[in-house]
């Protein structure tokens, strides 16, 4: 069972890696925060998902996988029991951002705990606590926001102030003739 699930987790991670690389190239992002579904809060599987995202892309393969190893990221996976979180900071970015500090701040926002630490990959989780209204799916988005805000404060993530590059109008902006 676990082996079959691992295969699916790696496939999901590989695909997400390609998406992250594309988004980063388009938007000039150095860091990316997102969630994956298949690990379902399993920290070991989430670490495997991160490895798949960071795997070097093989140009000879029909379906591209990974390729986002140069982009720092924090990924989240919600399960029934807990929200698993894995942070990754590539070597080139370690002077600007401490993986441990980043994960610690994000986990700290919801009373989570760090499980493993290194310069490039750190992991931890927040336990579900129905009595305190802590549910993995509910806290995932606020924690992703927390991760992005942590980066913003350090000038490592674009601000949300979209200038007049693109004007978006809704129907309300054009009164009927």
N, C-alpha and C. Protein backbone atom coordinates (compact mmCIF):
# COMPACT_ATOMS: atom_id res chain seq x y z
N UNK A 1 0.84 -1.21 0.00
CA UNK A 1 0.00 0.00 0.00
C UNK A 1 0.87 1.26 0.00
N UNK A 2 1.81 1.31 0.94
CA UNK A 2 2.65 2.50 1.09
C UNK A 2 3.48 2.74 -0.19
N UNK A 3 3.97 1.64 -0.81
CA UNK A 3 4.80 1.76 -2.00
C UNK A 3 4.01 2.37 -3.15
N UNK A 4 2.76 1.91 -3.30
CA UNK A 4 1.88 2.41 -4.35
C UNK A 4 1.59 3.90 -4.11
N UNK A 5 1.34 4.22 -2.85
CA UNK A 5 1.04 5.60 -2.47
C UNK A 5 2.27 6.48 -2.73
N UNK A 6 3.46 5.97 -2.39
CA UNK A 6 4.70 6.71 -2.58
C UNK A 6 4.87 7.08 -4.06
N UNK A 7 4.56 6.12 -4.93
CA UNK A 7 4.66 6.34 -6.36
C UNK A 7 3.76 7.51 -6.79
N UNK A 8 2.54 7.53 -6.27
CA UNK A 8 1.59 8.59 -6.61
C UNK A 8 2.05 9.93 -6.04
N UNK A 9 2.59 9.90 -4.82
CA UNK A 9 3.09 11.12 -4.17
C UNK A 9 4.24 11.72 -4.99
N UNK A 10 5.14 10.84 -5.45
CA UNK A 10 6.29 11.28 -6.24
C UNK A 10 5.82 11.86 -7.57
N UNK A 11 4.81 11.23 -8.17
CA UNK A 11 4.27 11.74 -9.44
C UNK A 11 3.65 13.12 -9.23
N UNK A 12 2.85 13.27 -8.16
CA UNK A 12 2.22 14.56 -7.86
C UNK A 12 3.29 15.62 -7.61
N UNK A 13 4.31 15.26 -6.82
CA UNK A 13 5.40 16.19 -6.51
C UNK A 13 6.16 16.61 -7.76
N UNK A 14 6.43 15.64 -8.62
CA UNK A 14 7.15 15.91 -9.86
C UNK A 14 6.39 16.88 -10.75
N UNK A 15 5.09 16.64 -10.87
CA UNK A 15 4.25 17.54 -11.69
C UNK A 15 4.20 18.94 -11.08
N UNK A 16 4.06 19.00 -9.75
CA UNK A 16 3.99 20.30 -9.08
C UNK A 16 5.32 21.04 -9.24
N UNK A 17 6.42 20.30 -9.24
CA UNK A 17 7.73 20.90 -9.45
C UNK A 17 7.81 21.63 -10.78
N UNK A 18 7.27 21.00 -11.83
CA UNK A 18 7.25 21.61 -13.16
C UNK A 18 6.40 22.87 -13.13
N UNK A 19 5.23 22.80 -12.46
CA UNK A 19 4.35 23.97 -12.36
C UNK A 19 5.04 25.12 -11.62
N UNK A 20 5.73 24.78 -10.52
CA UNK A 20 6.43 25.79 -9.73
C UNK A 20 7.53 26.45 -10.56
N UNK A 21 8.27 25.61 -11.29
CA UNK A 21 9.35 26.15 -12.12
C UNK A 21 8.77 27.12 -13.15
N UNK A 22 7.66 26.75 -13.77
CA UNK A 22 7.02 27.61 -14.77
C UNK A 22 6.54 28.92 -14.17
N UNK A 23 5.87 28.82 -13.03
CA UNK A 23 5.35 30.02 -12.36
C UNK A 23 6.50 30.93 -11.92
N UNK A 24 7.56 30.32 -11.42
CA UNK A 24 8.71 31.10 -10.95
C UNK A 24 9.40 31.80 -12.11
N UNK A 25 9.52 31.10 -13.23
CA UNK A 25 10.17 31.71 -14.39
C UNK A 25 9.35 32.87 -14.92
N UNK A 26 8.03 32.72 -14.93
CA UNK A 26 7.16 33.79 -15.43
C UNK A 26 7.14 34.98 -14.50
N UNK A 27 7.00 34.70 -13.20
CA UNK A 27 6.85 35.79 -12.24
C UNK A 27 8.12 36.21 -11.54
N UNK A 28 9.23 35.62 -11.92
CA UNK A 28 10.50 35.95 -11.29
C UNK A 28 10.55 35.60 -9.82
N UNK A 29 9.86 34.53 -9.42
CA UNK A 29 9.83 34.15 -8.01
C UNK A 29 11.06 33.34 -7.62
N UNK A 30 11.54 33.59 -6.39
CA UNK A 30 12.65 32.80 -5.86
C UNK A 30 12.13 31.77 -4.85
N UNK A 31 10.92 32.04 -4.36
CA UNK A 31 10.31 31.16 -3.35
C UNK A 31 8.85 30.93 -3.71
N UNK A 32 8.34 29.79 -3.28
CA UNK A 32 6.98 29.40 -3.63
C UNK A 32 6.37 28.60 -2.48
N UNK A 33 5.13 28.88 -2.14
CA UNK A 33 4.44 28.14 -1.07
C UNK A 33 3.18 27.53 -1.64
N UNK A 34 2.97 26.24 -1.42
CA UNK A 34 1.82 25.57 -1.99
C UNK A 34 1.45 24.34 -1.16
N UNK A 35 0.35 23.72 -1.53
CA UNK A 35 -0.02 22.49 -0.82
C UNK A 35 -0.13 21.34 -1.82
N UNK A 36 0.07 20.15 -1.31
CA UNK A 36 -0.13 18.93 -2.10
C UNK A 36 -1.12 18.06 -1.33
N UNK A 37 -1.87 17.26 -2.07
CA UNK A 37 -2.95 16.49 -1.44
C UNK A 37 -2.56 15.08 -1.01
N UNK A 38 -1.83 14.38 -1.87
CA UNK A 38 -1.63 12.94 -1.66
C UNK A 38 -0.91 12.51 -0.39
N UNK A 39 0.07 13.27 0.12
CA UNK A 39 0.70 12.80 1.37
C UNK A 39 -0.27 12.76 2.56
N UNK A 40 -1.37 13.48 2.48
CA UNK A 40 -2.39 13.46 3.52
C UNK A 40 -1.83 13.62 4.94
N UNK A 41 -0.94 14.59 5.11
CA UNK A 41 -0.40 14.87 6.43
C UNK A 41 0.74 13.97 6.86
N UNK A 42 1.16 13.04 6.00
CA UNK A 42 2.28 12.14 6.32
C UNK A 42 3.59 12.86 6.01
N UNK A 43 4.37 13.13 7.05
CA UNK A 43 5.59 13.92 6.91
C UNK A 43 6.63 13.26 6.01
N UNK A 44 6.80 11.94 6.15
CA UNK A 44 7.78 11.24 5.31
C UNK A 44 7.41 11.34 3.83
N UNK A 45 6.11 11.17 3.55
CA UNK A 45 5.66 11.26 2.16
C UNK A 45 5.79 12.70 1.64
N UNK A 46 5.58 13.67 2.52
CA UNK A 46 5.71 15.07 2.10
C UNK A 46 7.17 15.39 1.76
N UNK A 47 8.10 14.82 2.51
CA UNK A 47 9.53 15.01 2.20
C UNK A 47 9.83 14.39 0.83
N UNK A 48 9.24 13.22 0.55
CA UNK A 48 9.44 12.58 -0.77
C UNK A 48 8.86 13.45 -1.88
N UNK A 49 7.72 14.08 -1.59
CA UNK A 49 7.09 14.97 -2.57
C UNK A 49 8.04 16.13 -2.89
N UNK A 50 8.67 16.69 -1.84
CA UNK A 50 9.62 17.79 -2.02
C UNK A 50 10.80 17.33 -2.87
N UNK A 51 11.30 16.13 -2.58
CA UNK A 51 12.43 15.59 -3.37
C UNK A 51 12.04 15.49 -4.84
N UNK A 52 10.81 15.04 -5.09
CA UNK A 52 10.34 14.90 -6.48
C UNK A 52 10.23 16.26 -7.16
N UNK A 53 9.83 17.30 -6.40
CA UNK A 53 9.74 18.64 -6.97
C UNK A 53 11.12 19.16 -7.34
N UNK A 54 12.10 18.80 -6.53
CA UNK A 54 13.46 19.31 -6.71
C UNK A 54 14.31 18.48 -7.65
N UNK A 55 13.81 17.30 -8.03
CA UNK A 55 14.60 16.40 -8.89
C UNK A 55 14.97 17.11 -10.19
N UNK A 56 16.18 16.82 -10.68
CA UNK A 56 16.59 17.42 -11.94
C UNK A 56 15.67 16.90 -13.04
N UNK A 57 15.24 17.80 -13.90
CA UNK A 57 14.35 17.44 -14.99
C UNK A 57 15.14 16.68 -16.05
N UNK A 58 14.59 15.56 -16.50
CA UNK A 58 15.24 14.78 -17.55
C UNK A 58 14.60 15.16 -18.89
N UNK A 59 15.35 15.88 -19.74
CA UNK A 59 14.77 16.36 -21.01
C UNK A 59 14.37 15.23 -21.95
N UNK A 60 14.92 14.02 -21.76
CA UNK A 60 14.60 12.91 -22.66
C UNK A 60 13.27 12.25 -22.30
N UNK A 61 12.79 12.51 -21.07
CA UNK A 61 11.52 11.89 -20.67
C UNK A 61 10.35 12.59 -21.33
N UNK A 62 9.34 11.79 -21.66
CA UNK A 62 8.15 12.32 -22.33
C UNK A 62 7.44 13.33 -21.43
N UNK A 63 7.27 12.96 -20.16
CA UNK A 63 6.58 13.83 -19.22
C UNK A 63 7.60 14.45 -18.27
N UNK A 64 7.71 15.79 -18.32
CA UNK A 64 8.68 16.48 -17.45
C UNK A 64 8.26 16.35 -16.00
N UNK A 65 9.27 16.20 -15.14
CA UNK A 65 9.00 16.11 -13.70
C UNK A 65 10.06 16.92 -12.97
N UNK A 66 9.68 17.48 -11.83
CA UNK A 66 10.65 18.19 -10.99
C UNK A 66 11.13 19.47 -11.63
N UNK A 67 12.41 19.73 -11.46
CA UNK A 67 13.01 20.89 -12.10
C UNK A 67 12.95 22.18 -11.31
N UNK A 68 12.46 22.12 -10.05
CA UNK A 68 12.35 23.38 -9.30
C UNK A 68 13.31 23.41 -8.12
N UNK A 69 14.43 22.71 -8.23
CA UNK A 69 15.41 22.65 -7.15
C UNK A 69 16.09 23.97 -6.84
N UNK A 70 16.01 24.94 -7.78
CA UNK A 70 16.64 26.25 -7.55
C UNK A 70 15.68 27.23 -6.87
N UNK A 71 14.45 26.77 -6.63
CA UNK A 71 13.44 27.64 -6.01
C UNK A 71 13.16 27.17 -4.59
N UNK A 72 13.28 28.09 -3.64
CA UNK A 72 12.96 27.75 -2.26
C UNK A 72 11.47 27.54 -2.14
N UNK A 73 11.05 26.60 -1.29
CA UNK A 73 9.61 26.39 -1.18
C UNK A 73 9.21 25.84 0.16
N UNK A 74 7.94 26.05 0.45
CA UNK A 74 7.34 25.45 1.64
C UNK A 74 6.08 24.77 1.16
N UNK A 75 5.97 23.48 1.47
CA UNK A 75 4.79 22.75 1.03
C UNK A 75 4.03 22.21 2.24
N UNK A 76 2.73 22.16 2.08
CA UNK A 76 1.81 21.79 3.16
C UNK A 76 0.95 20.62 2.71
N UNK A 77 0.67 19.71 3.62
CA UNK A 77 -0.24 18.61 3.31
C UNK A 77 -1.14 18.34 4.52
N UNK A 78 -2.43 18.44 4.30
CA UNK A 78 -3.40 18.25 5.37
C UNK A 78 -3.88 16.81 5.42
N UNK A 79 -3.87 16.26 6.64
CA UNK A 79 -4.44 14.94 6.88
C UNK A 79 -5.46 15.09 7.98
N UNK A 80 -6.09 14.00 8.37
CA UNK A 80 -7.10 14.09 9.42
C UNK A 80 -6.46 14.45 10.77
N UNK A 81 -5.26 13.90 11.03
CA UNK A 81 -4.60 14.07 12.32
C UNK A 81 -3.74 15.32 12.43
N UNK A 82 -3.18 15.75 11.29
CA UNK A 82 -2.24 16.87 11.35
C UNK A 82 -2.00 17.50 9.99
N UNK A 83 -1.41 18.69 10.04
CA UNK A 83 -0.95 19.38 8.84
C UNK A 83 0.56 19.24 8.83
N UNK A 84 1.08 18.58 7.81
CA UNK A 84 2.52 18.39 7.68
C UNK A 84 3.09 19.55 6.85
N UNK A 85 4.28 20.01 7.23
CA UNK A 85 4.91 21.13 6.53
C UNK A 85 6.38 20.81 6.29
N UNK A 86 6.83 21.02 5.06
CA UNK A 86 8.24 20.83 4.73
C UNK A 86 8.73 22.10 4.04
N UNK A 87 9.85 22.62 4.52
CA UNK A 87 10.46 23.82 3.93
C UNK A 87 11.77 23.42 3.26
N UNK A 88 12.07 24.09 2.15
CA UNK A 88 13.30 23.82 1.42
C UNK A 88 13.92 25.15 0.99
N UNK A 89 15.21 25.32 1.30
CA UNK A 89 15.92 26.51 0.86
C UNK A 89 17.17 26.04 0.11
N UNK A 90 17.24 26.33 -1.21
CA UNK A 90 18.42 25.90 -1.98
C UNK A 90 19.69 26.58 -1.47
N UNK A 91 20.80 25.94 -1.69
CA UNK A 91 22.09 26.44 -1.19
C UNK A 91 22.32 27.91 -1.56
N UNK A 92 21.98 28.27 -2.79
CA UNK A 92 22.20 29.64 -3.27
C UNK A 92 21.41 30.70 -2.49
N UNK A 93 20.36 30.27 -1.80
CA UNK A 93 19.49 31.23 -1.08
C UNK A 93 19.70 31.19 0.44
N UNK A 94 20.57 30.29 0.91
CA UNK A 94 20.72 30.12 2.35
C UNK A 94 21.32 31.33 3.05
N UNK A 95 22.01 32.19 2.31
CA UNK A 95 22.54 33.42 2.89
C UNK A 95 21.43 34.43 3.18
N UNK A 96 20.33 34.32 2.43
CA UNK A 96 19.22 35.26 2.57
C UNK A 96 18.13 34.74 3.51
N UNK A 97 18.04 33.43 3.65
CA UNK A 97 16.94 32.85 4.41
C UNK A 97 17.37 31.58 5.13
N UNK A 98 17.05 31.51 6.42
CA UNK A 98 17.32 30.30 7.20
C UNK A 98 16.08 29.41 7.12
N UNK A 99 16.29 28.20 6.63
CA UNK A 99 15.20 27.23 6.49
C UNK A 99 14.53 27.00 7.85
N UNK A 100 15.36 26.82 8.86
CA UNK A 100 14.86 26.53 10.21
C UNK A 100 14.03 27.69 10.77
N UNK A 101 14.53 28.91 10.55
CA UNK A 101 13.83 30.10 11.05
C UNK A 101 12.49 30.28 10.34
N UNK A 102 12.49 30.07 9.02
CA UNK A 102 11.28 30.21 8.22
C UNK A 102 10.21 29.21 8.68
N UNK A 103 10.61 27.94 8.75
CA UNK A 103 9.65 26.91 9.17
C UNK A 103 9.19 27.17 10.61
N UNK A 104 10.13 27.55 11.47
CA UNK A 104 9.80 27.81 12.88
C UNK A 104 8.76 28.90 13.03
N UNK A 105 8.89 29.97 12.25
CA UNK A 105 7.94 31.08 12.32
C UNK A 105 6.55 30.64 11.85
N UNK A 106 6.52 29.86 10.77
CA UNK A 106 5.24 29.43 10.21
C UNK A 106 4.55 28.43 11.14
N UNK A 107 5.32 27.46 11.63
CA UNK A 107 4.74 26.47 12.55
C UNK A 107 4.32 27.15 13.85
N UNK A 108 5.12 28.11 14.28
CA UNK A 108 4.84 28.83 15.53
C UNK A 108 3.51 29.58 15.48
N UNK A 109 3.10 29.98 14.28
CA UNK A 109 1.84 30.72 14.14
C UNK A 109 0.64 29.88 14.54
N UNK A 110 0.81 28.54 14.54
CA UNK A 110 -0.31 27.65 14.89
C UNK A 110 0.09 26.65 15.98
N UNK A 111 1.17 26.94 16.68
CA UNK A 111 1.60 26.05 17.76
C UNK A 111 2.10 24.70 17.29
N UNK A 112 2.74 24.68 16.12
CA UNK A 112 3.27 23.41 15.59
C UNK A 112 4.65 23.11 16.14
N UNK A 113 5.18 21.95 15.75
CA UNK A 113 6.53 21.61 16.20
C UNK A 113 7.42 21.15 15.06
N UNK A 114 8.70 21.51 15.16
CA UNK A 114 9.68 21.12 14.16
C UNK A 114 10.15 19.71 14.47
N UNK A 115 10.27 18.89 13.43
CA UNK A 115 10.68 17.50 13.61
C UNK A 115 12.12 17.29 13.15
N UNK A 116 12.48 17.89 12.01
CA UNK A 116 13.85 17.74 11.52
C UNK A 116 14.35 19.06 10.97
N UNK A 117 15.66 19.29 11.13
CA UNK A 117 16.27 20.54 10.68
C UNK A 117 17.56 20.27 9.94
N UNK A 118 17.78 21.01 8.88
CA UNK A 118 19.08 21.04 8.21
C UNK A 118 19.13 22.38 7.48
N UNK A 119 20.25 22.65 6.84
CA UNK A 119 20.38 23.94 6.15
C UNK A 119 19.38 24.05 4.99
N UNK A 120 19.12 22.90 4.33
CA UNK A 120 18.25 22.98 3.15
C UNK A 120 16.83 22.46 3.33
N UNK A 121 16.62 21.43 4.15
CA UNK A 121 15.27 20.89 4.33
C UNK A 121 14.92 20.78 5.81
N UNK A 122 13.79 21.36 6.19
CA UNK A 122 13.29 21.26 7.57
C UNK A 122 11.84 20.81 7.48
N UNK A 123 11.41 20.07 8.49
CA UNK A 123 10.02 19.61 8.45
C UNK A 123 9.40 19.65 9.84
N UNK A 124 8.09 19.71 9.85
CA UNK A 124 7.36 19.72 11.10
C UNK A 124 5.87 19.58 10.84
N UNK A 125 5.08 19.76 11.89
CA UNK A 125 3.65 19.59 11.72
C UNK A 125 2.88 20.33 12.80
N UNK A 126 1.60 20.49 12.54
CA UNK A 126 0.68 21.03 13.54
C UNK A 126 -0.37 19.96 13.74
N UNK A 127 -0.53 19.52 14.99
CA UNK A 127 -1.52 18.49 15.30
C UNK A 127 -2.93 19.08 15.26
N UNK A 128 -3.86 18.28 14.77
CA UNK A 128 -5.26 18.69 14.79
C UNK A 128 -5.70 18.74 16.26
N UNK A 129 -6.49 19.74 16.61
CA UNK A 129 -7.00 19.86 17.97
C UNK A 129 -8.42 20.42 17.92
N UNK A 130 -9.41 19.52 17.74
CA UNK A 130 -10.79 19.97 17.59
C UNK A 130 -11.27 20.84 18.75
N UNK A 131 -10.76 20.57 19.96
CA UNK A 131 -11.17 21.36 21.13
C UNK A 131 -10.76 22.82 20.98
N UNK A 132 -9.63 23.05 20.32
CA UNK A 132 -9.14 24.42 20.14
C UNK A 132 -9.46 24.95 18.73
N UNK A 133 -10.32 24.21 18.02
CA UNK A 133 -10.73 24.58 16.67
C UNK A 133 -9.54 24.61 15.69
N UNK A 134 -8.59 23.68 15.88
CA UNK A 134 -7.45 23.57 14.98
C UNK A 134 -7.68 22.36 14.09
N UNK A 135 -8.01 22.63 12.83
CA UNK A 135 -8.23 21.57 11.85
C UNK A 135 -7.26 21.78 10.70
N UNK A 136 -6.53 20.72 10.28
CA UNK A 136 -5.52 20.86 9.24
C UNK A 136 -5.98 21.62 7.99
N UNK A 137 -7.16 21.32 7.49
CA UNK A 137 -7.62 22.01 6.27
C UNK A 137 -7.92 23.48 6.53
N UNK A 138 -8.36 23.78 7.75
CA UNK A 138 -8.70 25.17 8.09
C UNK A 138 -7.46 26.04 8.27
N UNK A 139 -6.40 25.47 8.84
CA UNK A 139 -5.20 26.27 9.12
C UNK A 139 -4.22 26.32 7.96
N UNK A 140 -4.43 25.47 6.94
CA UNK A 140 -3.48 25.41 5.83
C UNK A 140 -3.32 26.76 5.12
N UNK A 141 -4.42 27.36 4.70
CA UNK A 141 -4.32 28.63 3.96
C UNK A 141 -3.71 29.75 4.80
N UNK A 142 -4.16 29.94 6.07
CA UNK A 142 -3.51 30.99 6.88
C UNK A 142 -2.01 30.75 7.06
N UNK A 143 -1.60 29.49 7.11
CA UNK A 143 -0.17 29.19 7.27
C UNK A 143 0.61 29.47 5.99
N UNK A 144 -0.02 29.22 4.83
CA UNK A 144 0.63 29.55 3.56
C UNK A 144 0.81 31.07 3.48
N UNK A 145 -0.21 31.79 3.92
CA UNK A 145 -0.15 33.25 3.96
C UNK A 145 0.98 33.70 4.90
N UNK A 146 1.08 33.06 6.05
CA UNK A 146 2.14 33.35 7.03
C UNK A 146 3.52 33.13 6.40
N UNK A 147 3.67 32.03 5.66
CA UNK A 147 4.95 31.71 5.00
C UNK A 147 5.31 32.80 3.99
N UNK A 148 4.32 33.23 3.20
CA UNK A 148 4.56 34.28 2.21
C UNK A 148 4.87 35.62 2.87
N UNK A 149 4.16 35.93 3.94
CA UNK A 149 4.41 37.20 4.65
C UNK A 149 5.80 37.23 5.27
N UNK A 150 6.26 36.08 5.77
CA UNK A 150 7.60 35.98 6.32
C UNK A 150 8.63 36.34 5.24
N UNK A 151 8.39 35.82 4.04
CA UNK A 151 9.28 36.11 2.91
C UNK A 151 9.20 37.58 2.50
N UNK A 152 7.97 38.12 2.49
CA UNK A 152 7.78 39.52 2.12
C UNK A 152 8.56 40.45 3.02
N UNK A 153 8.51 40.17 4.33
CA UNK A 153 9.21 41.02 5.31
C UNK A 153 10.71 41.05 5.03
N UNK A 154 11.21 40.02 4.38
CA UNK A 154 12.64 39.97 4.07
C UNK A 154 12.93 40.36 2.62
N UNK A 155 11.90 40.84 1.94
CA UNK A 155 12.08 41.26 0.55
C UNK A 155 12.34 40.11 -0.41
N UNK A 156 11.89 38.91 -0.04
CA UNK A 156 12.16 37.74 -0.87
C UNK A 156 10.93 37.27 -1.65
N UNK A 157 9.83 38.00 -1.49
CA UNK A 157 8.58 37.62 -2.15
C UNK A 157 7.92 38.90 -2.63
N UNK A 158 7.43 38.91 -3.87
CA UNK A 158 6.85 40.15 -4.39
C UNK A 158 5.69 40.65 -3.53
N UNK A 159 5.60 41.96 -3.39
CA UNK A 159 4.49 42.56 -2.64
C UNK A 159 3.20 42.36 -3.42
N UNK A 160 2.10 42.44 -2.71
CA UNK A 160 0.80 42.23 -3.35
C UNK A 160 0.23 43.49 -3.99
N UNK A 161 1.06 44.52 -4.14
CA UNK A 161 0.55 45.77 -4.71
C UNK A 161 0.68 45.72 -6.22
N UNK A 162 -0.35 45.22 -6.87
CA UNK A 162 -0.30 45.13 -8.33
C UNK A 162 -0.48 46.54 -8.88
N UNK A 163 0.54 47.04 -9.57
CA UNK A 163 0.45 48.37 -10.14
C UNK A 163 -0.43 48.30 -11.40
N UNK A 164 -0.39 49.34 -12.18
CA UNK A 164 -1.32 49.42 -13.30
C UNK A 164 -0.88 48.61 -14.51
N UNK A 165 -0.08 47.56 -14.30
CA UNK A 165 0.33 46.72 -15.43
C UNK A 165 -0.90 46.15 -16.12
N UNK A 166 -1.82 45.65 -15.33
CA UNK A 166 -3.00 45.02 -15.88
C UNK A 166 -4.23 45.60 -15.21
N UNK A 167 -5.08 46.19 -15.98
CA UNK A 167 -6.34 46.68 -15.42
C UNK A 167 -7.38 45.60 -15.63
N UNK A 168 -8.10 45.29 -14.60
CA UNK A 168 -9.16 44.29 -14.73
C UNK A 168 -10.47 44.97 -14.43
N UNK A 169 -11.38 44.89 -15.37
CA UNK A 169 -12.69 45.52 -15.19
C UNK A 169 -13.75 44.46 -15.08
N UNK A 170 -14.74 44.75 -14.24
CA UNK A 170 -15.89 43.86 -14.15
C UNK A 170 -17.06 44.52 -14.85
N UNK A 171 -18.19 43.85 -14.92
CA UNK A 171 -19.37 44.40 -15.59
C UNK A 171 -19.80 45.71 -14.95
N UNK A 172 -19.55 45.86 -13.64
CA UNK A 172 -19.97 47.06 -12.94
C UNK A 172 -19.26 48.31 -13.44
N UNK A 173 -18.10 48.12 -14.05
CA UNK A 173 -17.31 49.26 -14.49
C UNK A 173 -17.82 49.88 -15.79
N UNK A 174 -18.71 49.17 -16.45
CA UNK A 174 -19.23 49.67 -17.72
C UNK A 174 -20.75 49.81 -17.62
N UNK A 175 -21.23 50.99 -17.22
CA UNK A 175 -22.68 51.15 -17.11
C UNK A 175 -23.33 50.91 -18.48
N UNK A 176 -24.50 50.30 -18.46
CA UNK A 176 -25.14 49.98 -19.73
C UNK A 176 -25.49 51.26 -20.48
N UNK A 177 -25.41 51.20 -21.79
CA UNK A 177 -25.58 52.37 -22.64
C UNK A 177 -26.99 52.93 -22.55
